[in-house]
Amino acid sequence: MDNETVDRVVALRSAQRYLPVSLGAGVLFYLAATFTGDHTLVARIGGAGWVALLSLIVSMPIVTSRVKRAVRK
């Protein structure tokens, strides 16, 4: 495979892994905020979005490097 094809495969496989993880973290935060207190809807949605964004930022390079290593073997 040429470099462009490998990069495309790595990008797609990585996104299939880190996006559900990040969105799942946001959903878990939303559920925890809903069931453990009397937080407003804006606070729950804002917090869930913030958690999802931060977990996306953290998980993206980790997952991408592991997928890249696995594809290039």
PDB file of N, CA and C in Angstrom:
ATOM      1  N   MET A   1       0.839  -1.191   0.000  1.00  0.00           N
ATOM      2  CA  MET A   1       0.000   0.000   0.000  1.00  0.00           C
ATOM      3  C   MET A   1       0.879   1.248   0.000  1.00  0.00           C
ATOM      4  N   ASP A   2       0.398   2.265  -0.677  1.00  0.00           N
ATOM      5  CA  ASP A   2       1.137   3.520  -0.655  1.00  0.00           C
ATOM      6  C   ASP A   2       0.799   4.318   0.601  1.00  0.00           C
ATOM      7  N   ASN A   3       1.561   5.360   0.844  1.00  0.00           N
ATOM      8  CA  ASN A   3       1.418   6.139   2.076  1.00  0.00           C
ATOM      9  C   ASN A   3       0.043   6.774   2.227  1.00  0.00           C
ATOM     10  N   GLU A   4      -0.501   7.264   1.146  1.00  0.00           N
ATOM     11  CA  GLU A   4      -1.806   7.933   1.211  1.00  0.00           C
ATOM     12  C   GLU A   4      -2.904   6.954   1.624  1.00  0.00           C
ATOM     13  N   THR A   5      -2.858   5.752   1.087  1.00  0.00           N
ATOM     14  CA  THR A   5      -3.849   4.738   1.437  1.00  0.00           C
ATOM     15  C   THR A   5      -3.704   4.318   2.890  1.00  0.00           C
ATOM     16  N   VAL A   6      -2.482   4.131   3.343  1.00  0.00           N
ATOM     17  CA  VAL A   6      -2.245   3.763   4.742  1.00  0.00           C
ATOM     18  C   VAL A   6      -2.748   4.856   5.668  1.00  0.00           C
ATOM     19  N   ASP A   7      -2.471   6.091   5.348  1.00  0.00           N
ATOM     20  CA  ASP A   7      -2.933   7.207   6.184  1.00  0.00           C
ATOM     21  C   ASP A   7      -4.453   7.269   6.239  1.00  0.00           C
ATOM     22  N   ARG A   8      -5.111   7.008   5.122  1.00  0.00           N
ATOM     23  CA  ARG A   8      -6.569   7.023   5.092  1.00  0.00           C
ATOM     24  C   ARG A   8      -7.141   5.901   5.955  1.00  0.00           C
ATOM     25  N   VAL A   9      -6.555   4.714   5.848  1.00  0.00           N
ATOM     26  CA  VAL A   9      -7.010   3.571   6.653  1.00  0.00           C
ATOM     27  C   VAL A   9      -6.803   3.852   8.141  1.00  0.00           C
ATOM     28  N   VAL A  10      -5.649   4.389   8.477  1.00  0.00           N
ATOM     29  CA  VAL A  10      -5.349   4.715   9.875  1.00  0.00           C
ATOM     30  C   VAL A  10      -6.345   5.750  10.407  1.00  0.00           C
ATOM     31  N   ALA A  11      -6.621   6.769   9.632  1.00  0.00           N
ATOM     32  CA  ALA A  11      -7.547   7.821  10.071  1.00  0.00           C
ATOM     33  C   ALA A  11      -8.949   7.271  10.290  1.00  0.00           C
ATOM     34  N   LEU A  12      -9.435   6.445   9.366  1.00  0.00           N
ATOM     35  CA  LEU A  12     -10.787   5.906   9.511  1.00  0.00           C
ATOM     36  C   LEU A  12     -10.899   4.950  10.687  1.00  0.00           C
ATOM     37  N   ARG A  13      -9.935   4.050  10.819  1.00  0.00           N
ATOM     38  CA  ARG A  13      -9.981   3.099  11.936  1.00  0.00           C
ATOM     39  C   ARG A  13      -9.828   3.792  13.277  1.00  0.00           C
ATOM     40  N   SER A  14      -9.002   4.816  13.324  1.00  0.00           N
ATOM     41  CA  SER A  14      -8.827   5.562  14.566  1.00  0.00           C
ATOM     42  C   SER A  14     -10.114   6.271  14.962  1.00  0.00           C
ATOM     43  N   ALA A  15     -10.736   6.931  13.998  1.00  0.00           N
ATOM     44  CA  ALA A  15     -11.980   7.650  14.286  1.00  0.00           C
ATOM     45  C   ALA A  15     -13.086   6.701  14.730  1.00  0.00           C
ATOM     46  N   GLN A  16     -13.090   5.492  14.189  1.00  0.00           N
ATOM     47  CA  GLN A  16     -14.095   4.507  14.602  1.00  0.00           C
ATOM     48  C   GLN A  16     -13.888   4.066  16.038  1.00  0.00           C
ATOM     49  N   ARG A  17     -12.724   4.310  16.585  1.00  0.00           N
ATOM     50  CA  ARG A  17     -12.453   3.912  17.962  1.00  0.00           C
ATOM     51  C   ARG A  17     -12.561   5.080  18.943  1.00  0.00           C
ATOM     52  N   TYR A  18     -11.969   6.235  18.621  1.00  0.00           N
ATOM     53  CA  TYR A  18     -11.953   7.295  19.625  1.00  0.00           C
ATOM     54  C   TYR A  18     -13.243   8.109  19.682  1.00  0.00           C
ATOM     55  N   LEU A  19     -13.999   8.177  18.616  1.00  0.00           N
ATOM     56  CA  LEU A  19     -15.264   8.922  18.682  1.00  0.00           C
ATOM     57  C   LEU A  19     -16.289   8.268  19.614  1.00  0.00           C
ATOM     58  N   PRO A  20     -16.526   6.947  19.504  1.00  0.00           N
ATOM     59  CA  PRO A  20     -17.471   6.342  20.460  1.00  0.00           C
ATOM     60  C   PRO A  20     -16.999   6.431  21.911  1.00  0.00           C
ATOM     61  N   VAL A  21     -15.699   6.328  22.129  1.00  0.00           N
ATOM     62  CA  VAL A  21     -15.172   6.447  23.495  1.00  0.00           C
ATOM     63  C   VAL A  21     -15.467   7.841  24.043  1.00  0.00           C
ATOM     64  N   SER A  22     -15.216   8.857  23.258  1.00  0.00           N
ATOM     65  CA  SER A  22     -15.430  10.234  23.706  1.00  0.00           C
ATOM     66  C   SER A  22     -16.909  10.545  23.911  1.00  0.00           C
ATOM     67  N   LEU A  23     -17.723  10.123  22.962  1.00  0.00           N
ATOM     68  CA  LEU A  23     -19.164  10.365  23.121  1.00  0.00           C
ATOM     69  C   LEU A  23     -19.731   9.569  24.291  1.00  0.00           C
ATOM     70  N   GLY A  24     -19.221   8.381  24.496  1.00  0.00           N
ATOM     71  CA  GLY A  24     -19.651   7.574  25.639  1.00  0.00           C
ATOM     72  C   GLY A  24     -19.304   8.239  26.963  1.00  0.00           C
ATOM     73  N   ALA A  25     -18.119   8.843  27.038  1.00  0.00           N
ATOM     74  CA  ALA A  25     -17.737   9.562  28.253  1.00  0.00           C
ATOM     75  C   ALA A  25     -18.674  10.745  28.502  1.00  0.00           C
ATOM     76  N   GLY A  26     -19.043  11.436  27.442  1.00  0.00           N
ATOM     77  CA  GLY A  26     -19.981  12.547  27.589  1.00  0.00           C
ATOM     78  C   GLY A  26     -21.356  12.081  28.050  1.00  0.00           C
ATOM     79  N   VAL A  27     -21.820  10.976  27.501  1.00  0.00           N
ATOM     80  CA  VAL A  27     -23.126  10.429  27.905  1.00  0.00           C
ATOM     81  C   VAL A  27     -23.084   9.967  29.358  1.00  0.00           C
ATOM     82  N   LEU A  28     -21.997   9.315  29.763  1.00  0.00           N
ATOM     83  CA  LEU A  28     -21.870   8.885  31.154  1.00  0.00           C
ATOM     84  C   LEU A  28     -21.865  10.077  32.109  1.00  0.00           C
ATOM     85  N   PHE A  29     -21.195  11.147  31.711  1.00  0.00           N
ATOM     86  CA  PHE A  29     -21.208  12.352  32.538  1.00  0.00           C
ATOM     87  C   PHE A  29     -22.621  12.914  32.647  1.00  0.00           C
ATOM     88  N   TYR A  30     -23.308  12.972  31.529  1.00  0.00           N
ATOM     89  CA  TYR A  30     -24.679  13.498  31.543  1.00  0.00           C
ATOM     90  C   TYR A  30     -25.576  12.665  32.464  1.00  0.00           C
ATOM     91  N   LEU A  31     -25.461  11.345  32.349  1.00  0.00           N
ATOM     92  CA  LEU A  31     -26.278  10.476  33.199  1.00  0.00           C
ATOM     93  C   LEU A  31     -25.921  10.626  34.670  1.00  0.00           C
ATOM     94  N   ALA A  32     -24.636  10.714  34.963  1.00  0.00           N
ATOM     95  CA  ALA A  32     -24.211  10.890  36.357  1.00  0.00           C
ATOM     96  C   ALA A  32     -24.707  12.217  36.912  1.00  0.00           C
ATOM     97  N   ALA A  33     -24.641  13.267  36.108  1.00  0.00           N
ATOM     98  CA  ALA A  33     -25.111  14.572  36.567  1.00  0.00           C
ATOM     99  C   ALA A  33     -26.629  14.588  36.730  1.00  0.00           C
ATOM    100  N   THR A  34     -27.325  13.798  35.924  1.00  0.00           N
ATOM    101  CA  THR A  34     -28.783  13.758  36.013  1.00  0.00           C
ATOM    102  C   THR A  34     -29.249  13.040  37.269  1.00  0.00           C
ATOM    103  N   PHE A  35     -28.589  11.928  37.588  1.00  0.00           N
ATOM    104  CA  PHE A  35     -29.070  11.089  38.685  1.00  0.00           C
ATOM    105  C   PHE A  35     -28.454  11.408  40.033  1.00  0.00           C
ATOM    106  N   THR A  36     -27.438  12.256  40.096  1.00  0.00           N
ATOM    107  CA  THR A  36     -26.788  12.505  41.382  1.00  0.00           C
ATOM    108  C   THR A  36     -26.986  13.916  41.911  1.00  0.00           C
ATOM    109  N   GLY A  37     -27.838  14.684  41.327  1.00  0.00           N
ATOM    110  CA  GLY A  37     -28.014  16.032  41.856  1.00  0.00           C
ATOM    111  C   GLY A  37     -29.126  16.771  41.148  1.00  0.00           C
ATOM    112  N   ASP A  38     -29.255  18.017  41.503  1.00  0.00           N
ATOM    113  CA  ASP A  38     -30.303  18.847  40.904  1.00  0.00           C
ATOM    114  C   ASP A  38     -29.659  19.910  40.013  1.00  0.00           C
ATOM    115  N   HIS A  39     -28.831  19.450  39.083  1.00  0.00           N
ATOM    116  CA  HIS A  39     -28.153  20.352  38.162  1.00  0.00           C
ATOM    117  C   HIS A  39     -29.114  20.778  37.051  1.00  0.00           C
ATOM    118  N   THR A  40     -28.903  21.972  36.547  1.00  0.00           N
ATOM    119  CA  THR A  40     -29.758  22.458  35.468  1.00  0.00           C
ATOM    120  C   THR A  40     -29.435  21.722  34.170  1.00  0.00           C
ATOM    121  N   LEU A  41     -30.367  21.803  33.237  1.00  0.00           N
ATOM    122  CA  LEU A  41     -30.170  21.154  31.939  1.00  0.00           C
ATOM    123  C   LEU A  41     -28.967  21.739  31.210  1.00  0.00           C
ATOM    124  N   VAL A  42     -28.795  23.046  31.303  1.00  0.00           N
ATOM    125  CA  VAL A  42     -27.661  23.696  30.643  1.00  0.00           C
ATOM    126  C   VAL A  42     -26.348  23.201  31.234  1.00  0.00           C
ATOM    127  N   ALA A  43     -26.289  23.039  32.541  1.00  0.00           N
ATOM    128  CA  ALA A  43     -25.070  22.558  33.192  1.00  0.00           C
ATOM    129  C   ALA A  43     -24.774  21.113  32.789  1.00  0.00           C
ATOM    130  N   ARG A  44     -25.808  20.294  32.721  1.00  0.00           N
ATOM    131  CA  ARG A  44     -25.593  18.888  32.333  1.00  0.00           C
ATOM    132  C   ARG A  44     -25.119  18.780  30.890  1.00  0.00           C
ATOM    133  N   ILE A  45     -25.761  19.491  29.979  1.00  0.00           N
ATOM    134  CA  ILE A  45     -25.381  19.424  28.564  1.00  0.00           C
ATOM    135  C   ILE A  45     -23.999  20.052  28.354  1.00  0.00           C
ATOM    136  N   GLY A  46     -23.753  21.188  28.979  1.00  0.00           N
ATOM    137  CA  GLY A  46     -22.447  21.834  28.860  1.00  0.00           C
ATOM    138  C   GLY A  46     -21.330  20.973  29.423  1.00  0.00           C
ATOM    139  N   GLY A  47     -21.572  20.361  30.564  1.00  0.00           N
ATOM    140  CA  GLY A  47     -20.569  19.482  31.155  1.00  0.00           C
ATOM    141  C   GLY A  47     -20.325  18.253  30.301  1.00  0.00           C
ATOM    142  N   ALA A  48     -21.390  17.675  29.768  1.00  0.00           N
ATOM    143  CA  ALA A  48     -21.239  16.503  28.905  1.00  0.00           C
ATOM    144  C   ALA A  48     -20.467  16.852  27.645  1.00  0.00           C
ATOM    145  N   GLY A  49     -20.746  17.996  27.069  1.00  0.00           N
ATOM    146  CA  GLY A  49     -20.000  18.431  25.889  1.00  0.00           C
ATOM    147  C   GLY A  49     -18.534  18.676  26.204  1.00  0.00           C
ATOM    148  N   TRP A  50     -18.275  19.266  27.347  1.00  0.00           N
ATOM    149  CA  TRP A  50     -16.907  19.547  27.758  1.00  0.00           C
ATOM    150  C   TRP A  50     -16.133  18.245  27.998  1.00  0.00           C
ATOM    151  N   VAL A  51     -16.751  17.296  28.672  1.00  0.00           N
ATOM    152  CA  VAL A  51     -16.108  16.007  28.922  1.00  0.00           C
ATOM    153  C   VAL A  51     -15.857  15.276  27.606  1.00  0.00           C
ATOM    154  N   ALA A  52     -16.821  15.299  26.703  1.00  0.00           N
ATOM    155  CA  ALA A  52     -16.641  14.636  25.412  1.00  0.00           C
ATOM    156  C   ALA A  52     -15.505  15.289  24.627  1.00  0.00           C
ATOM    157  N   LEU A  53     -15.436  16.600  24.632  1.00  0.00           N
ATOM    158  CA  LEU A  53     -14.370  17.304  23.915  1.00  0.00           C
ATOM    159  C   LEU A  53     -13.000  17.001  24.509  1.00  0.00           C
ATOM    160  N   LEU A  54     -12.889  17.048  25.818  1.00  0.00           N
ATOM    161  CA  LEU A  54     -11.604  16.777  26.451  1.00  0.00           C
ATOM    162  C   LEU A  54     -11.171  15.327  26.262  1.00  0.00           C
ATOM    163  N   SER A  55     -12.101  14.395  26.353  1.00  0.00           N
ATOM    164  CA  SER A  55     -11.728  13.003  26.146  1.00  0.00           C
ATOM    165  C   SER A  55     -11.359  12.746  24.682  1.00  0.00           C
ATOM    166  N   LEU A  56     -11.956  13.475  23.766  1.00  0.00           N
ATOM    167  CA  LEU A  56     -11.570  13.380  22.356  1.00  0.00           C
ATOM    168  C   LEU A  56     -10.138  13.870  22.165  1.00  0.00           C
ATOM    169  N   ILE A  57      -9.798  14.983  22.794  1.00  0.00           N
ATOM    170  CA  ILE A  57      -8.462  15.542  22.684  1.00  0.00           C
ATOM    171  C   ILE A  57      -7.422  14.589  23.267  1.00  0.00           C
ATOM    172  N   VAL A  58      -7.759  13.951  24.365  1.00  0.00           N
ATOM    173  CA  VAL A  58      -6.811  13.043  25.011  1.00  0.00           C
ATOM    174  C   VAL A  58      -6.703  11.724  24.260  1.00  0.00           C
ATOM    175  N   SER A  59      -7.826  11.173  23.829  1.00  0.00           N
ATOM    176  CA  SER A  59      -7.803   9.834  23.236  1.00  0.00           C
ATOM    177  C   SER A  59      -7.335   9.812  21.782  1.00  0.00           C
ATOM    178  N   MET A  60      -7.482  10.906  21.053  1.00  0.00           N
ATOM    179  CA  MET A  60      -7.139  10.917  19.635  1.00  0.00           C
ATOM    180  C   MET A  60      -5.680  10.527  19.367  1.00  0.00           C
ATOM    181  N   PRO A  61      -4.691  11.157  19.980  1.00  0.00           N
ATOM    182  CA  PRO A  61      -3.311  10.766  19.666  1.00  0.00           C
ATOM    183  C   PRO A  61      -2.949   9.378  20.163  1.00  0.00           C
ATOM    184  N   ILE A  62      -3.527   8.959  21.287  1.00  0.00           N
ATOM    185  CA  ILE A  62      -3.227   7.631  21.826  1.00  0.00           C
ATOM    186  C   ILE A  62      -3.758   6.554  20.889  1.00  0.00           C
ATOM    187  N   VAL A  63      -5.005   6.671  20.514  1.00  0.00           N
ATOM    188  CA  VAL A  63      -5.616   5.668  19.643  1.00  0.00           C
ATOM    189  C   VAL A  63      -4.974   5.676  18.268  1.00  0.00           C
ATOM    190  N   THR A  64      -4.708   6.844  17.722  1.00  0.00           N
ATOM    191  CA  THR A  64      -4.124   6.935  16.387  1.00  0.00           C
ATOM    192  C   THR A  64      -2.749   6.282  16.330  1.00  0.00           C
ATOM    193  N   SER A  65      -1.929   6.501  17.339  1.00  0.00           N
ATOM    194  CA  SER A  65      -0.604   5.890  17.321  1.00  0.00           C
ATOM    195  C   SER A  65      -0.684   4.375  17.435  1.00  0.00           C
ATOM    196  N   ARG A  66      -1.608   3.860  18.217  1.00  0.00           N
ATOM    197  CA  ARG A  66      -1.750   2.410  18.338  1.00  0.00           C
ATOM    198  C   ARG A  66      -2.299   1.795  17.045  1.00  0.00           C
ATOM    199  N   VAL A  67      -3.238   2.448  16.423  1.00  0.00           N
ATOM    200  CA  VAL A  67      -3.782   1.942  15.155  1.00  0.00           C
ATOM    201  C   VAL A  67      -2.711   2.006  14.075  1.00  0.00           C
ATOM    202  N   LYS A  68      -1.951   3.074  14.043  1.00  0.00           N
ATOM    203  CA  LYS A  68      -0.888   3.212  13.051  1.00  0.00           C
ATOM    204  C   LYS A  68       0.136   2.083  13.193  1.00  0.00           C
ATOM    205  N   ARG A  69       0.503   1.784  14.436  1.00  0.00           N
ATOM    206  CA  ARG A  69       1.456   0.709  14.685  1.00  0.00           C
ATOM    207  C   ARG A  69       0.891  -0.633  14.238  1.00  0.00           C
ATOM    208  N   ALA A  70      -0.391  -0.861  14.482  1.00  0.00           N
ATOM    209  CA  ALA A  70      -1.015  -2.129  14.101  1.00  0.00           C
ATOM    210  C   ALA A  70      -1.164  -2.266  12.590  1.00  0.00           C
ATOM    211  N   VAL A  71      -1.465  -1.193  11.898  1.00  0.00           N
ATOM    212  CA  VAL A  71      -1.659  -1.250  10.440  1.00  0.00           C
ATOM    213  C   VAL A  71      -0.332  -1.440   9.725  1.00  0.00           C
ATOM    214  N   ARG A  72       0.703  -0.837  10.197  1.00  0.00           N
ATOM    215  CA  ARG A  72       1.994  -0.892   9.503  1.00  0.00           C
ATOM    216  C   ARG A  72       2.768  -2.178   9.761  1.00  0.00           C
ATOM    217  N   LYS A  73       2.305  -3.042  10.641  1.00  0.00           N
ATOM    218  CA  LYS A  73       3.007  -4.321  10.893  1.00  0.00           C
ATOM    219  C   LYS A  73       2.843  -5.274   9.773  1.00  0.00           C
TER     220      LYS A  73
END
